[in-house]
């Protein structure tokens, strides 16, 4: 039994690139559906 496993440290951008690659290879087209909650509509007309 190995007591200490070697850790693989990734930067956020490296992890994002890996995840993107996996998704692009395994999903040809994906549509995401959701809902908007707590939409704020200030006078500046910028929505958050």
PDB file of N, CA and C in Angstrom:
ATOM      1  N   UNK A   1       0.839  -1.182   0.000  1.00  0.00           N
ATOM      2  CA  UNK A   1       0.000   0.000   0.000  1.00  0.00           C
ATOM      3  C   UNK A   1       0.883   1.245   0.000  1.00  0.00           C
ATOM      4  N   UNK A   2       0.560   2.155  -0.875  1.00  0.00           N
ATOM      5  CA  UNK A   2       1.330   3.394  -0.966  1.00  0.00           C
ATOM      6  C   UNK A   2       0.797   4.400   0.053  1.00  0.00           C
ATOM      7  N   UNK A   3       1.657   4.862   0.949  1.00  0.00           N
ATOM      8  CA  UNK A   3       1.217   5.777   1.996  1.00  0.00           C
ATOM      9  C   UNK A   3       1.042   7.203   1.495  1.00  0.00           C
ATOM     10  N   UNK A   4       1.899   7.618   0.605  1.00  0.00           N
ATOM     11  CA  UNK A   4       1.846   8.992   0.106  1.00  0.00           C
ATOM     12  C   UNK A   4       1.708   8.965  -1.409  1.00  0.00           C
ATOM     13  N   UNK A   5       0.595   9.467  -1.885  1.00  0.00           N
ATOM     14  CA  UNK A   5       0.392   9.556  -3.327  1.00  0.00           C
ATOM     15  C   UNK A   5       0.944  10.891  -3.811  1.00  0.00           C
ATOM     16  N   UNK A   6       1.510  10.860  -4.989  1.00  0.00           N
ATOM     17  CA  UNK A   6       2.029  12.095  -5.572  1.00  0.00           C
ATOM     18  C   UNK A   6       0.864  13.000  -5.946  1.00  0.00           C
ATOM     19  N   UNK A   7       0.928  14.232  -5.521  1.00  0.00           N
ATOM     20  CA  UNK A   7      -0.132  15.189  -5.835  1.00  0.00           C
ATOM     21  C   UNK A   7       0.150  15.868  -7.158  1.00  0.00           C
ATOM     22  N   UNK A   8      -0.901  16.102  -7.878  1.00  0.00           N
ATOM     23  CA  UNK A   8      -0.795  16.841  -9.130  1.00  0.00           C
ATOM     24  C   UNK A   8      -1.434  18.205  -8.902  1.00  0.00           C
ATOM     25  N   UNK A   9      -0.631  19.225  -8.941  1.00  0.00           N
ATOM     26  CA  UNK A   9      -1.118  20.584  -8.706  1.00  0.00           C
ATOM     27  C   UNK A   9      -1.314  21.260 -10.053  1.00  0.00           C
ATOM     28  N   UNK A  10      -2.516  21.790 -10.265  1.00  0.00           N
ATOM     29  CA  UNK A  10      -2.843  22.460 -11.518  1.00  0.00           C
ATOM     30  C   UNK A  10      -3.235  23.903 -11.243  1.00  0.00           C
ATOM     31  N   UNK A  11      -2.898  24.754 -12.169  1.00  0.00           N
ATOM     32  CA  UNK A  11      -3.407  26.123 -12.082  1.00  0.00           C
ATOM     33  C   UNK A  11      -4.875  26.100 -12.511  1.00  0.00           C
ATOM     34  N   UNK A  12      -5.586  27.162 -12.197  1.00  0.00           N
ATOM     35  CA  UNK A  12      -6.989  27.239 -12.593  1.00  0.00           C
ATOM     36  C   UNK A  12      -7.114  27.172 -14.107  1.00  0.00           C
ATOM     37  N   UNK A  13      -6.247  27.865 -14.818  1.00  0.00           N
ATOM     38  CA  UNK A  13      -6.329  27.856 -16.284  1.00  0.00           C
ATOM     39  C   UNK A  13      -6.004  26.482 -16.859  1.00  0.00           C
ATOM     40  N   UNK A  14      -5.069  25.754 -16.256  1.00  0.00           N
ATOM     41  CA  UNK A  14      -4.748  24.405 -16.733  1.00  0.00           C
ATOM     42  C   UNK A  14      -5.915  23.457 -16.494  1.00  0.00           C
ATOM     43  N   UNK A  15      -6.544  23.547 -15.327  1.00  0.00           N
ATOM     44  CA  UNK A  15      -7.700  22.702 -15.031  1.00  0.00           C
ATOM     45  C   UNK A  15      -8.854  23.031 -15.962  1.00  0.00           C
ATOM     46  N   UNK A  16      -9.072  24.310 -16.206  1.00  0.00           N
ATOM     47  CA  UNK A  16     -10.131  24.729 -17.122  1.00  0.00           C
ATOM     48  C   UNK A  16      -9.889  24.175 -18.519  1.00  0.00           C
ATOM     49  N   UNK A  17      -8.652  24.203 -18.974  1.00  0.00           N
ATOM     50  CA  UNK A  17      -8.314  23.671 -20.297  1.00  0.00           C
ATOM     51  C   UNK A  17      -8.562  22.168 -20.359  1.00  0.00           C
ATOM     52  N   UNK A  18      -8.210  21.445 -19.302  1.00  0.00           N
ATOM     53  CA  UNK A  18      -8.460  20.001 -19.268  1.00  0.00           C
ATOM     54  C   UNK A  18      -9.952  19.692 -19.304  1.00  0.00           C
ATOM     55  N   UNK A  19     -10.719  20.403 -18.502  1.00  0.00           N
ATOM     56  CA  UNK A  19     -12.167  20.190 -18.469  1.00  0.00           C
ATOM     57  C   UNK A  19     -12.779  20.518 -19.824  1.00  0.00           C
ATOM     58  N   UNK A  20     -12.349  21.608 -20.413  1.00  0.00           N
ATOM     59  CA  UNK A  20     -12.863  21.994 -21.730  1.00  0.00           C
ATOM     60  C   UNK A  20     -12.569  20.909 -22.765  1.00  0.00           C
ATOM     61  N   UNK A  21     -11.348  20.382 -22.742  1.00  0.00           N
ATOM     62  CA  UNK A  21     -10.982  19.330 -23.682  1.00  0.00           C
ATOM     63  C   UNK A  21     -11.841  18.090 -23.530  1.00  0.00           C
ATOM     64  N   UNK A  22     -12.083  17.678 -22.296  1.00  0.00           N
ATOM     65  CA  UNK A  22     -12.920  16.498 -22.043  1.00  0.00           C
ATOM     66  C   UNK A  22     -14.341  16.737 -22.540  1.00  0.00           C
ATOM     67  N   UNK A  23     -14.887  17.907 -22.243  1.00  0.00           N
ATOM     68  CA  UNK A  23     -16.250  18.208 -22.679  1.00  0.00           C
ATOM     69  C   UNK A  23     -16.353  18.267 -24.199  1.00  0.00           C
ATOM     70  N   UNK A  24     -15.394  18.915 -24.846  1.00  0.00           N
ATOM     71  CA  UNK A  24     -15.441  19.036 -26.302  1.00  0.00           C
ATOM     72  C   UNK A  24     -15.301  17.685 -26.990  1.00  0.00           C
ATOM     73  N   UNK A  25     -14.515  16.783 -26.419  1.00  0.00           N
ATOM     74  CA  UNK A  25     -14.335  15.460 -27.013  1.00  0.00           C
ATOM     75  C   UNK A  25     -15.562  14.575 -26.843  1.00  0.00           C
ATOM     76  N   UNK A  26     -16.324  14.772 -25.777  1.00  0.00           N
ATOM     77  CA  UNK A  26     -17.409  13.858 -25.451  1.00  0.00           C
ATOM     78  C   UNK A  26     -18.806  14.393 -25.729  1.00  0.00           C
ATOM     79  N   UNK A  27     -18.930  15.671 -25.998  1.00  0.00           N
ATOM     80  CA  UNK A  27     -20.235  16.258 -26.270  1.00  0.00           C
ATOM     81  C   UNK A  27     -20.123  17.106 -27.526  1.00  0.00           C
ATOM     82  N   UNK A  28     -20.773  16.642 -28.596  1.00  0.00           N
ATOM     83  CA  UNK A  28     -20.710  17.357 -29.865  1.00  0.00           C
ATOM     84  C   UNK A  28     -21.396  18.714 -29.752  1.00  0.00           C
ATOM     85  N   UNK A  29     -22.646  18.699 -29.324  1.00  0.00           N
ATOM     86  CA  UNK A  29     -23.381  19.946 -29.121  1.00  0.00           C
ATOM     87  C   UNK A  29     -24.180  19.821 -27.835  1.00  0.00           C
ATOM     88  N   UNK A  30     -24.140  20.845 -27.027  1.00  0.00           N
ATOM     89  CA  UNK A  30     -24.886  20.857 -25.775  1.00  0.00           C
ATOM     90  C   UNK A  30     -25.632  22.177 -25.668  1.00  0.00           C
ATOM     91  N   UNK A  31     -26.906  22.082 -25.374  1.00  0.00           N
ATOM     92  CA  UNK A  31     -27.712  23.261 -25.096  1.00  0.00           C
ATOM     93  C   UNK A  31     -28.008  23.246 -23.608  1.00  0.00           C
ATOM     94  N   UNK A  32     -27.818  24.385 -22.955  1.00  0.00           N
ATOM     95  CA  UNK A  32     -28.067  24.489 -21.521  1.00  0.00           C
ATOM     96  C   UNK A  32     -29.303  25.350 -21.309  1.00  0.00           C
ATOM     97  N   UNK A  33     -30.241  24.819 -20.525  1.00  0.00           N
ATOM     98  CA  UNK A  33     -31.460  25.550 -20.221  1.00  0.00           C
ATOM     99  C   UNK A  33     -31.494  25.835 -18.729  1.00  0.00           C
ATOM    100  N   UNK A  34     -31.911  27.017 -18.368  1.00  0.00           N
ATOM    101  CA  UNK A  34     -31.974  27.365 -16.958  1.00  0.00           C
ATOM    102  C   UNK A  34     -32.962  28.490 -16.735  1.00  0.00           C
ATOM    103  N   UNK A  35     -32.919  29.021 -15.557  1.00  0.00           N
ATOM    104  CA  UNK A  35     -33.804  30.121 -15.225  1.00  0.00           C
ATOM    105  C   UNK A  35     -33.002  31.226 -14.552  1.00  0.00           C
ATOM    106  N   UNK A  36     -33.519  32.409 -14.614  1.00  0.00           N
ATOM    107  CA  UNK A  36     -32.874  33.556 -13.984  1.00  0.00           C
ATOM    108  C   UNK A  36     -33.633  33.871 -12.705  1.00  0.00           C
ATOM    109  N   UNK A  37     -32.897  34.022 -11.625  1.00  0.00           N
ATOM    110  CA  UNK A  37     -33.530  34.401 -10.362  1.00  0.00           C
ATOM    111  C   UNK A  37     -32.826  35.628  -9.794  1.00  0.00           C
ATOM    112  N   UNK A  38     -33.533  36.384  -9.011  1.00  0.00           N
ATOM    113  CA  UNK A  38     -32.999  37.577  -8.346  1.00  0.00           C
ATOM    114  C   UNK A  38     -32.423  38.596  -9.332  1.00  0.00           C
ATOM    115  N   UNK A  39     -33.095  38.781 -10.448  1.00  0.00           N
ATOM    116  CA  UNK A  39     -32.640  39.745 -11.447  1.00  0.00           C
ATOM    117  C   UNK A  39     -32.873  41.160 -10.935  1.00  0.00           C
ATOM    118  N   UNK A  40     -31.845  41.962 -10.945  1.00  0.00           N
ATOM    119  CA  UNK A  40     -31.950  43.359 -10.531  1.00  0.00           C
ATOM    120  C   UNK A  40     -32.004  44.239 -11.769  1.00  0.00           C
ATOM    121  N   UNK A  41     -32.884  45.191 -11.772  1.00  0.00           N
ATOM    122  CA  UNK A  41     -33.040  46.095 -12.903  1.00  0.00           C
ATOM    123  C   UNK A  41     -32.922  47.540 -12.429  1.00  0.00           C
ATOM    124  N   UNK A  42     -31.700  48.017 -12.225  1.00  0.00           N
ATOM    125  CA  UNK A  42     -31.514  49.392 -11.751  1.00  0.00           C
ATOM    126  C   UNK A  42     -31.762  50.397 -12.874  1.00  0.00           C
ATOM    127  N   UNK A  43     -31.784  51.665 -12.541  1.00  0.00           N
ATOM    128  CA  UNK A  43     -32.031  52.717 -13.526  1.00  0.00           C
ATOM    129  C   UNK A  43     -30.941  52.790 -14.591  1.00  0.00           C
ATOM    130  N   UNK A  44     -29.758  52.291 -14.294  1.00  0.00           N
ATOM    131  CA  UNK A  44     -28.666  52.329 -15.276  1.00  0.00           C
ATOM    132  C   UNK A  44     -28.896  51.352 -16.423  1.00  0.00           C
ATOM    133  N   UNK A  45     -29.902  50.510 -16.306  1.00  0.00           N
ATOM    134  CA  UNK A  45     -30.253  49.495 -17.300  1.00  0.00           C
ATOM    135  C   UNK A  45     -29.171  48.440 -17.486  1.00  0.00           C
ATOM    136  N   UNK A  46     -28.305  48.278 -16.500  1.00  0.00           N
ATOM    137  CA  UNK A  46     -27.362  47.162 -16.487  1.00  0.00           C
ATOM    138  C   UNK A  46     -27.979  46.073 -15.627  1.00  0.00           C
ATOM    139  N   UNK A  47     -28.072  44.891 -16.161  1.00  0.00           N
ATOM    140  CA  UNK A  47     -28.734  43.808 -15.431  1.00  0.00           C
ATOM    141  C   UNK A  47     -27.700  42.917 -14.770  1.00  0.00           C
ATOM    142  N   UNK A  48     -27.978  42.516 -13.536  1.00  0.00           N
ATOM    143  CA  UNK A  48     -27.056  41.698 -12.758  1.00  0.00           C
ATOM    144  C   UNK A  48     -27.763  40.452 -12.290  1.00  0.00           C
TER     145      UNK A  48
END
